[in-house]
Amino acid sequence: MDTTLIRPCAWQHWKESNRVALLAAFGDSITGTRVKEFCQGLSRDLGSDCLIVERVWLFSTFRLRELQAIAAEEASASDLVILSVHQSQSLPDEVKGWMDLWLRPRVRHPAVLLALFDPEEEGAPNSVRAYLQGVAKQAGMEFFVEAQNEG
């Protein structure tokens, strides 16, 4: 997966500070592989001097309130929040609940919300994209979308 597509305003800060805290959440093995590939490319692009602190969560863990709260704290402190989803599916309620939690206490610093989607299909609904774009706007985050072919 090529990360050269995104160059958020925060990119220069990440390079200068040599540190990026990221949280990634995904729904299944396909979307998890997409996150892994993206993070490998990000590490390569930022260079070996940049420490990437990764926190990774499976959507199903957000069903437990205690874990949802922990992940919300981590997301609110992250420089980059990645959601890897199938665009043709709606976001589970527990994921929306988790997002509501991390938006409340969010520390305002340059941050990015990145949605990793399946390749766009003809007629695929954009409701997930629109929802995430609204979340990013509410949080004062930059919003990027990347759609890639599988495998």
Protein backbone atom coordinates (compact mmCIF):
# COMPACT_ATOMS: atom_id res chain seq x y z
CA MET A 1 0.00 0.00 0.00
CA ASP A 2 1.42 3.35 -1.02
CA THR A 3 1.30 6.04 1.69
CA THR A 4 2.54 8.81 -0.58
CA LEU A 5 -1.10 9.68 -1.28
CA ILE A 6 -1.49 11.36 2.09
CA ARG A 7 0.60 14.27 3.23
CA PRO A 8 -1.43 15.88 5.98
CA CYS A 9 -0.46 19.22 7.50
CA ALA A 10 0.75 17.24 10.53
CA TRP A 11 3.26 15.33 8.35
CA GLN A 12 6.05 17.87 8.83
CA HIS A 13 5.46 17.87 12.59
CA TRP A 14 5.75 14.08 12.63
CA LYS A 15 9.01 14.19 10.71
CA GLU A 16 10.49 16.92 12.93
CA SER A 17 9.45 15.33 16.22
CA ASN A 18 10.52 11.87 15.04
CA ARG A 19 7.41 10.42 16.70
CA VAL A 20 3.88 9.52 15.66
CA ALA A 21 1.28 8.05 17.99
CA LEU A 22 -1.33 6.20 16.02
CA LEU A 23 -4.38 4.16 16.82
CA ALA A 24 -5.84 1.81 14.25
CA ALA A 25 -9.18 0.04 14.47
CA PHE A 26 -10.50 -2.56 12.05
CA GLY A 27 -13.24 -5.13 11.67
CA ASP A 28 -11.69 -8.31 10.27
CA SER A 29 -8.54 -9.91 8.88
CA ILE A 30 -8.84 -8.18 5.50
CA THR A 31 -9.17 -4.71 7.02
CA GLY A 32 -6.46 -5.60 9.57
CA THR A 33 -4.04 -6.52 6.79
CA ARG A 34 -4.81 -3.18 5.14
CA VAL A 35 -3.81 -1.40 8.38
CA LYS A 36 -0.60 -3.41 8.65
CA GLU A 37 0.40 -2.59 5.08
CA PHE A 38 -0.37 1.09 5.56
CA CYS A 39 1.70 1.27 8.76
CA GLN A 40 4.65 -0.43 7.06
CA GLY A 41 4.52 2.16 4.27
CA LEU A 42 4.16 5.01 6.76
CA SER A 43 7.22 3.80 8.65
CA ARG A 44 9.19 3.58 5.42
CA ASP A 45 8.08 7.07 4.33
CA LEU A 46 8.83 8.74 7.67
CA GLY A 47 12.23 7.08 7.93
CA SER A 48 14.00 4.90 10.45
CA ASP A 49 14.57 7.80 12.87
CA CYS A 50 10.83 8.23 13.42
CA LEU A 51 9.27 6.21 16.24
CA ILE A 52 5.74 5.06 15.44
CA VAL A 53 3.79 4.10 18.53
CA GLU A 54 1.00 1.82 17.31
CA ARG A 55 -2.12 0.84 19.19
CA VAL A 56 -4.37 -1.58 17.35
CA TRP A 57 -7.96 -2.52 18.17
CA LEU A 58 -10.45 -4.96 16.69
CA PHE A 59 -13.97 -3.48 16.39
CA SER A 60 -15.48 -6.34 18.40
CA THR A 61 -13.46 -5.35 21.49
CA PHE A 62 -15.45 -2.11 21.65
CA ARG A 63 -18.45 -4.14 22.84
CA LEU A 64 -16.82 -4.16 26.29
CA ARG A 65 -17.26 -0.72 27.88
CA GLU A 66 -13.96 -0.94 29.78
CA LEU A 67 -11.98 -1.62 26.62
CA GLN A 68 -13.96 0.98 24.71
CA ALA A 69 -12.96 3.58 27.33
CA ILE A 70 -9.27 2.61 27.16
CA ALA A 71 -9.27 2.79 23.36
CA ALA A 72 -11.06 6.16 23.52
CA GLU A 73 -8.32 7.62 25.72
CA GLU A 74 -5.67 6.30 23.35
CA ALA A 75 -7.47 7.72 20.31
CA SER A 76 -7.88 11.16 21.87
CA ALA A 77 -4.12 11.34 22.46
CA SER A 78 -3.18 10.01 19.00
CA ASP A 79 -1.69 11.97 16.13
CA LEU A 80 -3.27 9.61 13.60
CA VAL A 81 -6.46 7.57 13.97
CA ILE A 82 -7.01 4.95 11.29
CA LEU A 83 -10.27 3.14 10.64
CA SER A 84 -10.11 0.32 8.15
CA VAL A 85 -13.58 -0.72 7.04
CA HIS A 86 -15.58 -2.22 4.24
CA GLN A 87 -17.31 0.76 2.71
CA SER A 88 -20.33 -1.33 1.73
CA GLN A 89 -21.08 -2.05 5.40
CA SER A 90 -22.27 0.37 8.06
CA LEU A 91 -20.17 1.08 11.13
CA PRO A 92 -21.18 -1.09 14.09
CA ASP A 93 -22.89 0.73 16.96
CA GLU A 94 -20.01 -0.07 19.32
CA VAL A 95 -17.59 1.70 16.95
CA LYS A 96 -19.80 4.78 16.81
CA GLY A 97 -20.04 4.69 20.62
CA TRP A 98 -16.26 4.50 20.88
CA MET A 99 -15.88 7.46 18.54
CA ASP A 100 -18.34 9.50 20.59
CA LEU A 101 -16.23 8.78 23.68
CA TRP A 102 -12.91 9.85 22.19
CA LEU A 103 -14.32 13.00 20.71
CA ARG A 104 -15.39 14.38 24.09
CA PRO A 105 -12.05 14.60 25.92
CA ARG A 106 -9.98 15.14 22.78
CA VAL A 107 -6.83 17.15 23.35
CA ARG A 108 -6.58 19.64 20.50
CA HIS A 109 -3.39 19.08 18.59
CA PRO A 110 -2.78 18.51 14.89
CA ALA A 111 -4.32 15.13 14.22
CA VAL A 112 -5.56 13.11 11.28
CA LEU A 113 -8.43 10.70 10.78
CA LEU A 114 -7.70 8.27 7.96
CA ALA A 115 -10.29 5.91 6.51
CA LEU A 116 -8.96 2.89 4.66
CA PHE A 117 -11.65 1.46 2.39
CA ASP A 118 -12.12 -1.31 -0.13
CA PRO A 119 -11.86 -0.18 -3.74
CA GLU A 120 -14.94 1.86 -4.57
CA GLU A 121 -17.64 -0.12 -6.25
CA GLU A 122 -20.25 1.22 -8.60
CA GLY A 123 -23.16 2.41 -6.50
CA ALA A 124 -21.43 1.71 -3.15
CA PRO A 125 -22.95 3.79 -0.35
CA ASN A 126 -20.89 6.70 0.94
CA SER A 127 -22.62 6.83 4.33
CA VAL A 128 -19.54 5.58 6.22
CA ARG A 129 -17.32 8.12 4.46
CA ALA A 130 -19.77 10.94 5.21
CA TYR A 131 -20.07 9.87 8.85
CA LEU A 132 -16.28 9.77 9.33
CA GLN A 133 -15.87 13.10 7.57
CA GLY A 134 -18.37 14.59 10.02
CA VAL A 135 -16.48 13.11 12.97
CA ALA A 136 -13.21 14.58 11.70
CA LYS A 137 -14.81 18.00 11.27
CA GLN A 138 -16.29 17.87 14.78
CA ALA A 139 -12.90 16.93 16.20
CA GLY A 140 -10.97 19.52 14.19
CA MET A 141 -8.98 16.76 12.48
CA GLU A 142 -7.80 16.50 8.90
CA PHE A 143 -9.67 13.75 7.05
CA PHE A 144 -8.24 11.49 4.38
CA VAL A 145 -9.60 8.48 2.54
CA GLU A 146 -7.59 5.79 0.85
CA ALA A 147 -9.18 2.98 -1.16
CA GLN A 148 -6.96 0.11 -2.24
CA ASN A 149 -7.28 -3.15 -4.10
CA GLU A 150 -7.00 -6.28 -1.98
CA GLY A 151 -3.89 -8.43 -2.10
